[in-house]
Amino acid sequence: MAKSKSSKTWLKEHFDDEYVRRSQKDGYRSRAIYKLIEIDQKDHLVKPGMTIIDLGAAPGGWSEYCVKKLGKNGSMIALDILPMDPIDGVTIIEGDFREASVFDMLMTAIKNNSSDLVISDMAPNITGMGSVDMPRAYYLCELALDLAKQVLKPGGGLLVKLFQGEGFEAYNKELKLSFSRVVMRKPKASRARSREVYALATGFLGNRF
């Protein structure tokens, strides 16, 4: 089957992408790792000994980066509905964390203790229709926040991918109800034309409501 013009354009952009080439050279699983690297270098998110939960983790680049910094006393748990190749030191849970059985596996993996950081690079399959894509995207954001409020210890953090547009301001306000500090980050590895940004919420205030 012949490729469409838009498909050819995407492929060219993809393989011409600086971060795609860098990820291949550096042996990383995806270009997305450079987004986390830049945010971590600026905000010092990942520290030895932490317990971190990576939502929508496949193919595993973020978990791969974090586990190397956690040391032997840290704990890295990766969740996704998609299969992932193993990563040394990472507990991989395949399934939907909305399901009780998968959530129970998560709680077992963190030994029912609170986690220090939840990171989420989840995004829906894009249709190109904003009226469909934005609600889907913010549904995933809501899931990440809901899980974070269940598993974070006081003072913990959440890093979550957002899309600027309808729902952005409301979600930002919701974050500010649960965290003492909320900032937005637009890493260089995020494509300039993309509306994606990352909300970094720190100083979890605990479940007060």
C-alpha atoms as a PDB file:
ATOM      1  CA  MET A   1       0.000   0.000   0.000  1.00  0.00           C
ATOM      2  CA  ALA A   2       1.385   3.425  -0.941  1.00  0.00           C
ATOM      3  CA  LYS A   3       2.144   5.785   1.897  1.00  0.00           C
ATOM      4  CA  SER A   4       0.084   8.982   2.080  1.00  0.00           C
ATOM      5  CA  LYS A   5       1.752  12.365   1.720  1.00  0.00           C
ATOM      6  CA  SER A   6       1.179  13.138   5.423  1.00  0.00           C
ATOM      7  CA  SER A   7       2.673   9.774   6.386  1.00  0.00           C
ATOM      8  CA  LYS A   8       5.779  10.440   4.284  1.00  0.00           C
ATOM      9  CA  THR A   9       6.107  13.905   5.838  1.00  0.00           C
ATOM     10  CA  TRP A  10       5.880  12.437   9.357  1.00  0.00           C
ATOM     11  CA  LEU A  11       8.468   9.765   8.579  1.00  0.00           C
ATOM     12  CA  LYS A  12      10.881  12.321   7.166  1.00  0.00           C
ATOM     13  CA  GLU A  13      10.412  14.581  10.178  1.00  0.00           C
ATOM     14  CA  HIS A  14      10.854  11.629  12.513  1.00  0.00           C
ATOM     15  CA  PHE A  15      14.108  10.380  11.045  1.00  0.00           C
ATOM     16  CA  ASP A  16      15.483  13.906  10.615  1.00  0.00           C
ATOM     17  CA  ASP A  17      14.721  14.622  14.273  1.00  0.00           C
ATOM     18  CA  GLU A  18      17.804  15.448  16.363  1.00  0.00           C
ATOM     19  CA  TYR A  19      16.480  13.566  19.393  1.00  0.00           C
ATOM     20  CA  VAL A  20      15.566  10.472  17.403  1.00  0.00           C
ATOM     21  CA  ARG A  21      19.135  10.345  16.118  1.00  0.00           C
ATOM     22  CA  ARG A  22      20.528  10.978  19.591  1.00  0.00           C
ATOM     23  CA  SER A  23      18.406   8.234  21.143  1.00  0.00           C
ATOM     24  CA  GLN A  24      19.637   5.760  18.532  1.00  0.00           C
ATOM     25  CA  LYS A  25      23.247   6.812  19.112  1.00  0.00           C
ATOM     26  CA  ASP A  26      22.919   6.742  22.918  1.00  0.00           C
ATOM     27  CA  GLY A  27      21.067   3.418  22.930  1.00  0.00           C
ATOM     28  CA  TYR A  28      17.864   4.725  24.526  1.00  0.00           C
ATOM     29  CA  ARG A  29      14.448   3.265  23.853  1.00  0.00           C
ATOM     30  CA  SER A  30      12.845   6.499  22.643  1.00  0.00           C
ATOM     31  CA  ARG A  31      13.433  10.215  22.142  1.00  0.00           C
ATOM     32  CA  ALA A  32      11.081  10.956  25.064  1.00  0.00           C
ATOM     33  CA  ILE A  33      13.886  10.272  27.527  1.00  0.00           C
ATOM     34  CA  TYR A  34      15.464  13.638  26.713  1.00  0.00           C
ATOM     35  CA  LYS A  35      12.343  15.430  27.930  1.00  0.00           C
ATOM     36  CA  LEU A  36      12.710  13.852  31.351  1.00  0.00           C
ATOM     37  CA  ILE A  37      16.478  14.377  31.404  1.00  0.00           C
ATOM     38  CA  GLU A  38      16.051  18.121  30.812  1.00  0.00           C
ATOM     39  CA  ILE A  39      13.316  18.485  33.439  1.00  0.00           C
ATOM     40  CA  ASP A  40      15.320  16.467  35.968  1.00  0.00           C
ATOM     41  CA  GLN A  41      18.445  18.514  35.368  1.00  0.00           C
ATOM     42  CA  LYS A  42      16.463  21.702  36.001  1.00  0.00           C
ATOM     43  CA  ASP A  43      14.275  20.563  38.889  1.00  0.00           C
ATOM     44  CA  HIS A  44      16.289  17.711  40.460  1.00  0.00           C
ATOM     45  CA  LEU A  45      13.326  15.343  40.549  1.00  0.00           C
ATOM     46  CA  VAL A  46      14.970  11.941  40.726  1.00  0.00           C
ATOM     47  CA  LYS A  47      17.008  11.193  43.845  1.00  0.00           C
ATOM     48  CA  PRO A  48      18.621   8.027  45.240  1.00  0.00           C
ATOM     49  CA  GLY A  49      16.350   5.900  47.393  1.00  0.00           C
ATOM     50  CA  MET A  50      13.071   7.165  45.954  1.00  0.00           C
ATOM     51  CA  THR A  51      10.031   5.087  45.077  1.00  0.00           C
ATOM     52  CA  ILE A  52       8.841   6.178  41.619  1.00  0.00           C
ATOM     53  CA  ILE A  53       5.814   5.071  39.600  1.00  0.00           C
ATOM     54  CA  ASP A  54       5.938   5.520  35.813  1.00  0.00           C
ATOM     55  CA  LEU A  55       2.492   5.558  34.167  1.00  0.00           C
ATOM     56  CA  GLY A  56       2.169   4.808  30.463  1.00  0.00           C
ATOM     57  CA  ALA A  57       5.757   3.669  30.663  1.00  0.00           C
ATOM     58  CA  ALA A  58       6.187   1.762  27.375  1.00  0.00           C
ATOM     59  CA  PRO A  59       8.648   1.501  25.730  1.00  0.00           C
ATOM     60  CA  GLY A  60      10.402   2.265  29.007  1.00  0.00           C
ATOM     61  CA  GLY A  61      12.780   5.161  28.415  1.00  0.00           C
ATOM     62  CA  TRP A  62      11.714   7.145  31.474  1.00  0.00           C
ATOM     63  CA  SER A  63      11.960   4.119  33.755  1.00  0.00           C
ATOM     64  CA  GLU A  64      15.327   3.262  32.236  1.00  0.00           C
ATOM     65  CA  TYR A  65      16.615   6.740  33.089  1.00  0.00           C
ATOM     66  CA  CYS A  66      15.188   6.862  36.618  1.00  0.00           C
ATOM     67  CA  VAL A  67      16.311   3.451  37.805  1.00  0.00           C
ATOM     68  CA  LYS A  68      19.936   4.301  37.098  1.00  0.00           C
ATOM     69  CA  LYS A  69      19.702   7.210  39.541  1.00  0.00           C
ATOM     70  CA  LEU A  70      17.745   5.488  42.309  1.00  0.00           C
ATOM     71  CA  GLY A  71      20.474   3.188  43.605  1.00  0.00           C
ATOM     72  CA  LYS A  72      19.964  -0.079  45.470  1.00  0.00           C
ATOM     73  CA  ASN A  73      17.569   1.434  48.009  1.00  0.00           C
ATOM     74  CA  GLY A  74      15.238   2.895  45.401  1.00  0.00           C
ATOM     75  CA  SER A  75      12.198   1.309  43.806  1.00  0.00           C
ATOM     76  CA  MET A  76      11.027   1.803  40.213  1.00  0.00           C
ATOM     77  CA  ILE A  77       7.618   0.560  39.060  1.00  0.00           C
ATOM     78  CA  ALA A  78       6.496   0.872  35.439  1.00  0.00           C
ATOM     79  CA  LEU A  79       2.872   0.431  34.366  1.00  0.00           C
ATOM     80  CA  ASP A  80       1.388   0.218  30.900  1.00  0.00           C
ATOM     81  CA  ILE A  81      -1.348  -1.607  29.058  1.00  0.00           C
ATOM     82  CA  LEU A  82       1.292  -2.373  26.404  1.00  0.00           C
ATOM     83  CA  PRO A  83       4.034  -4.986  26.846  1.00  0.00           C
ATOM     84  CA  MET A  84       7.550  -3.791  27.666  1.00  0.00           C
ATOM     85  CA  ASP A  85      10.930  -5.424  27.387  1.00  0.00           C
ATOM     86  CA  PRO A  86      12.508  -6.017  30.815  1.00  0.00           C
ATOM     87  CA  ILE A  87      14.689  -3.350  32.432  1.00  0.00           C
ATOM     88  CA  ASP A  88      17.123  -4.299  35.178  1.00  0.00           C
ATOM     89  CA  GLY A  89      15.851  -3.095  38.528  1.00  0.00           C
ATOM     90  CA  VAL A  90      12.388  -2.121  37.268  1.00  0.00           C
ATOM     91  CA  THR A  91       9.170  -3.864  38.297  1.00  0.00           C
ATOM     92  CA  ILE A  92       6.953  -3.923  35.212  1.00  0.00           C
ATOM     93  CA  ILE A  93       3.188  -4.269  35.574  1.00  0.00           C
ATOM     94  CA  GLU A  94       1.234  -4.825  32.371  1.00  0.00           C
ATOM     95  CA  GLY A  95      -2.382  -3.791  32.673  1.00  0.00           C
ATOM     96  CA  ASP A  96      -4.863  -1.000  33.340  1.00  0.00           C
ATOM     97  CA  PHE A  97      -4.375   0.508  36.805  1.00  0.00           C
ATOM     98  CA  ARG A  98      -8.081   1.354  36.938  1.00  0.00           C
ATOM     99  CA  GLU A  99      -8.667  -2.359  37.452  1.00  0.00           C
ATOM    100  CA  ALA A 100      -8.571  -3.553  41.055  1.00  0.00           C
ATOM    101  CA  SER A 101      -6.274  -6.479  40.313  1.00  0.00           C
ATOM    102  CA  VAL A 102      -3.692  -4.235  38.619  1.00  0.00           C
ATOM    103  CA  PHE A 103      -3.924  -1.613  41.375  1.00  0.00           C
ATOM    104  CA  ASP A 104      -3.371  -4.375  43.937  1.00  0.00           C
ATOM    105  CA  MET A 105      -0.220  -5.432  42.066  1.00  0.00           C
ATOM    106  CA  LEU A 106       0.984  -1.857  42.232  1.00  0.00           C
ATOM    107  CA  MET A 107       0.371  -1.619  45.969  1.00  0.00           C
ATOM    108  CA  THR A 108       2.211  -4.903  46.457  1.00  0.00           C
ATOM    109  CA  ALA A 109       5.139  -3.580  44.404  1.00  0.00           C
ATOM    110  CA  ILE A 110       5.446  -0.478  46.600  1.00  0.00           C
ATOM    111  CA  LYS A 111       4.825  -2.652  49.674  1.00  0.00           C
ATOM    112  CA  ASN A 112       1.780  -0.538  50.505  1.00  0.00           C
ATOM    113  CA  ASN A 113       4.109   2.324  51.359  1.00  0.00           C
ATOM    114  CA  SER A 114       3.722   5.768  49.883  1.00  0.00           C
ATOM    115  CA  SER A 115       5.655   6.720  46.770  1.00  0.00           C
ATOM    116  CA  ASP A 116       7.804   9.816  46.309  1.00  0.00           C
ATOM    117  CA  LEU A 117       7.075  10.600  42.681  1.00  0.00           C
ATOM    118  CA  VAL A 118       4.559   9.700  39.974  1.00  0.00           C
ATOM    119  CA  ILE A 119       5.568  10.412  36.383  1.00  0.00           C
ATOM    120  CA  SER A 120       3.189  10.183  33.442  1.00  0.00           C
ATOM    121  CA  ASP A 121       3.898  10.580  29.738  1.00  0.00           C
ATOM    122  CA  MET A 122       0.499   9.106  28.852  1.00  0.00           C
ATOM    123  CA  ALA A 123      -1.273  10.383  25.749  1.00  0.00           C
ATOM    124  CA  PRO A 124      -4.228   9.083  23.741  1.00  0.00           C
ATOM    125  CA  ASN A 125      -4.062   7.894  20.173  1.00  0.00           C
ATOM    126  CA  ILE A 126      -4.451  11.115  18.212  1.00  0.00           C
ATOM    127  CA  THR A 127      -7.294  11.403  15.698  1.00  0.00           C
ATOM    128  CA  GLY A 128      -6.546  14.980  14.641  1.00  0.00           C
ATOM    129  CA  MET A 129      -9.937  16.148  15.897  1.00  0.00           C
ATOM    130  CA  GLY A 130      -9.484  18.446  18.870  1.00  0.00           C
ATOM    131  CA  SER A 131     -13.003  17.845  20.141  1.00  0.00           C
ATOM    132  CA  VAL A 132     -12.109  14.174  20.519  1.00  0.00           C
ATOM    133  CA  ASP A 133      -8.402  14.305  21.364  1.00  0.00           C
ATOM    134  CA  MET A 134      -8.472  16.902  24.168  1.00  0.00           C
ATOM    135  CA  PRO A 135     -11.097  15.176  26.341  1.00  0.00           C
ATOM    136  CA  ARG A 136      -9.234  11.894  25.900  1.00  0.00           C
ATOM    137  CA  ALA A 137      -5.944  13.528  26.872  1.00  0.00           C
ATOM    138  CA  TYR A 138      -7.368  15.140  29.997  1.00  0.00           C
ATOM    139  CA  TYR A 139      -9.107  11.952  31.013  1.00  0.00           C
ATOM    140  CA  LEU A 140      -5.654  10.353  31.179  1.00  0.00           C
ATOM    141  CA  CYS A 141      -4.357  13.362  33.127  1.00  0.00           C
ATOM    142  CA  GLU A 142      -7.203  12.964  35.615  1.00  0.00           C
ATOM    143  CA  LEU A 143      -6.349   9.281  36.009  1.00  0.00           C
ATOM    144  CA  ALA A 144      -2.715  10.179  36.743  1.00  0.00           C
ATOM    145  CA  LEU A 145      -3.723  12.764  39.346  1.00  0.00           C
ATOM    146  CA  ASP A 146      -6.231  10.432  40.974  1.00  0.00           C
ATOM    147  CA  LEU A 147      -3.618   7.687  41.285  1.00  0.00           C
ATOM    148  CA  ALA A 148      -1.025  10.153  42.569  1.00  0.00           C
ATOM    149  CA  LYS A 149      -3.369  11.255  45.352  1.00  0.00           C
ATOM    150  CA  GLN A 150      -3.765   7.622  46.390  1.00  0.00           C
ATOM    151  CA  VAL A 151      -0.093   6.641  46.444  1.00  0.00           C
ATOM    152  CA  LEU A 152       1.999   9.760  47.143  1.00  0.00           C
ATOM    153  CA  LYS A 153       3.429  10.530  50.537  1.00  0.00           C
ATOM    154  CA  PRO A 154       3.058  14.112  51.840  1.00  0.00           C
ATOM    155  CA  GLY A 155       5.587  16.286  50.042  1.00  0.00           C
ATOM    156  CA  GLY A 156       5.664  13.964  47.014  1.00  0.00           C
ATOM    157  CA  GLY A 157       5.517  15.016  43.378  1.00  0.00           C
ATOM    158  CA  LEU A 158       3.703  14.443  40.098  1.00  0.00           C
ATOM    159  CA  LEU A 159       5.077  15.060  36.610  1.00  0.00           C
ATOM    160  CA  VAL A 160       2.336  14.762  34.000  1.00  0.00           C
ATOM    161  CA  LYS A 161       2.051  15.540  30.293  1.00  0.00           C
ATOM    162  CA  LEU A 162      -0.639  18.083  29.413  1.00  0.00           C
ATOM    163  CA  PHE A 163      -1.852  19.640  26.187  1.00  0.00           C
ATOM    164  CA  GLN A 164      -2.534  23.355  25.995  1.00  0.00           C
ATOM    165  CA  GLY A 165      -6.128  24.012  25.077  1.00  0.00           C
ATOM    166  CA  GLU A 166      -9.542  23.290  26.511  1.00  0.00           C
ATOM    167  CA  GLY A 167      -9.181  21.758  29.951  1.00  0.00           C
ATOM    168  CA  PHE A 168      -5.678  23.114  30.618  1.00  0.00           C
ATOM    169  CA  GLU A 169      -6.599  25.874  33.077  1.00  0.00           C
ATOM    170  CA  ALA A 170      -9.121  23.727  34.950  1.00  0.00           C
ATOM    171  CA  TYR A 171      -6.591  20.938  35.403  1.00  0.00           C
ATOM    172  CA  ASN A 172      -3.919  23.400  36.528  1.00  0.00           C
ATOM    173  CA  LYS A 173      -6.291  24.716  39.212  1.00  0.00           C
ATOM    174  CA  GLU A 174      -7.026  21.154  40.299  1.00  0.00           C
ATOM    175  CA  LEU A 175      -3.310  20.456  40.721  1.00  0.00           C
ATOM    176  CA  LYS A 176      -2.951  23.543  42.900  1.00  0.00           C
ATOM    177  CA  LEU A 177      -5.551  22.164  45.318  1.00  0.00           C
ATOM    178  CA  SER A 178      -3.342  19.156  46.061  1.00  0.00           C
ATOM    179  CA  PHE A 179       0.217  20.484  45.679  1.00  0.00           C
ATOM    180  CA  SER A 180       2.024  23.469  47.147  1.00  0.00           C
ATOM    181  CA  ARG A 181       3.868  24.292  43.905  1.00  0.00           C
ATOM    182  CA  VAL A 182       2.886  23.804  40.262  1.00  0.00           C
ATOM    183  CA  VAL A 183       5.069  24.862  37.324  1.00  0.00           C
ATOM    184  CA  MET A 184       4.985  24.164  33.595  1.00  0.00           C
ATOM    185  CA  ARG A 185       7.932  22.864  31.622  1.00  0.00           C
ATOM    186  CA  LYS A 186       8.385  22.751  27.836  1.00  0.00           C
ATOM    187  CA  PRO A 187      11.521  20.659  27.193  1.00  0.00           C
ATOM    188  CA  LYS A 188      13.535  21.286  24.056  1.00  0.00           C
ATOM    189  CA  ALA A 189      12.815  17.702  22.984  1.00  0.00           C
ATOM    190  CA  SER A 190       9.099  18.553  22.776  1.00  0.00           C
ATOM    191  CA  ARG A 191       8.479  19.455  19.158  1.00  0.00           C
ATOM    192  CA  ALA A 192       7.915  23.186  18.730  1.00  0.00           C
ATOM    193  CA  ARG A 193       4.586  22.731  16.949  1.00  0.00           C
ATOM    194  CA  SER A 194       3.298  20.380  19.670  1.00  0.00           C
ATOM    195  CA  ARG A 195       0.927  21.749  22.302  1.00  0.00           C
ATOM    196  CA  GLU A 196       2.351  19.399  24.901  1.00  0.00           C
ATOM    197  CA  VAL A 197       3.815  20.733  28.114  1.00  0.00           C
ATOM    198  CA  TYR A 198       4.655  19.024  31.386  1.00  0.00           C
ATOM    199  CA  ALA A 199       3.077  20.044  34.667  1.00  0.00           C
ATOM    200  CA  LEU A 200       5.420  19.536  37.594  1.00  0.00           C
ATOM    201  CA  ALA A 201       3.486  19.508  40.856  1.00  0.00           C
ATOM    202  CA  THR A 202       5.501  19.188  44.061  1.00  0.00           C
ATOM    203  CA  GLY A 203       4.810  19.367  47.778  1.00  0.00           C
ATOM    204  CA  PHE A 204       1.821  17.011  47.871  1.00  0.00           C
ATOM    205  CA  LEU A 205      -0.507  18.245  50.585  1.00  0.00           C
ATOM    206  CA  GLY A 206      -2.106  14.886  51.317  1.00  0.00           C
ATOM    207  CA  ASN A 207      -5.711  13.845  50.929  1.00  0.00           C
ATOM    208  CA  ARG A 208      -7.492  16.679  52.670  1.00  0.00           C
ATOM    209  CA  PHE A 209     -10.884  16.302  51.032  1.00  0.00           C
END
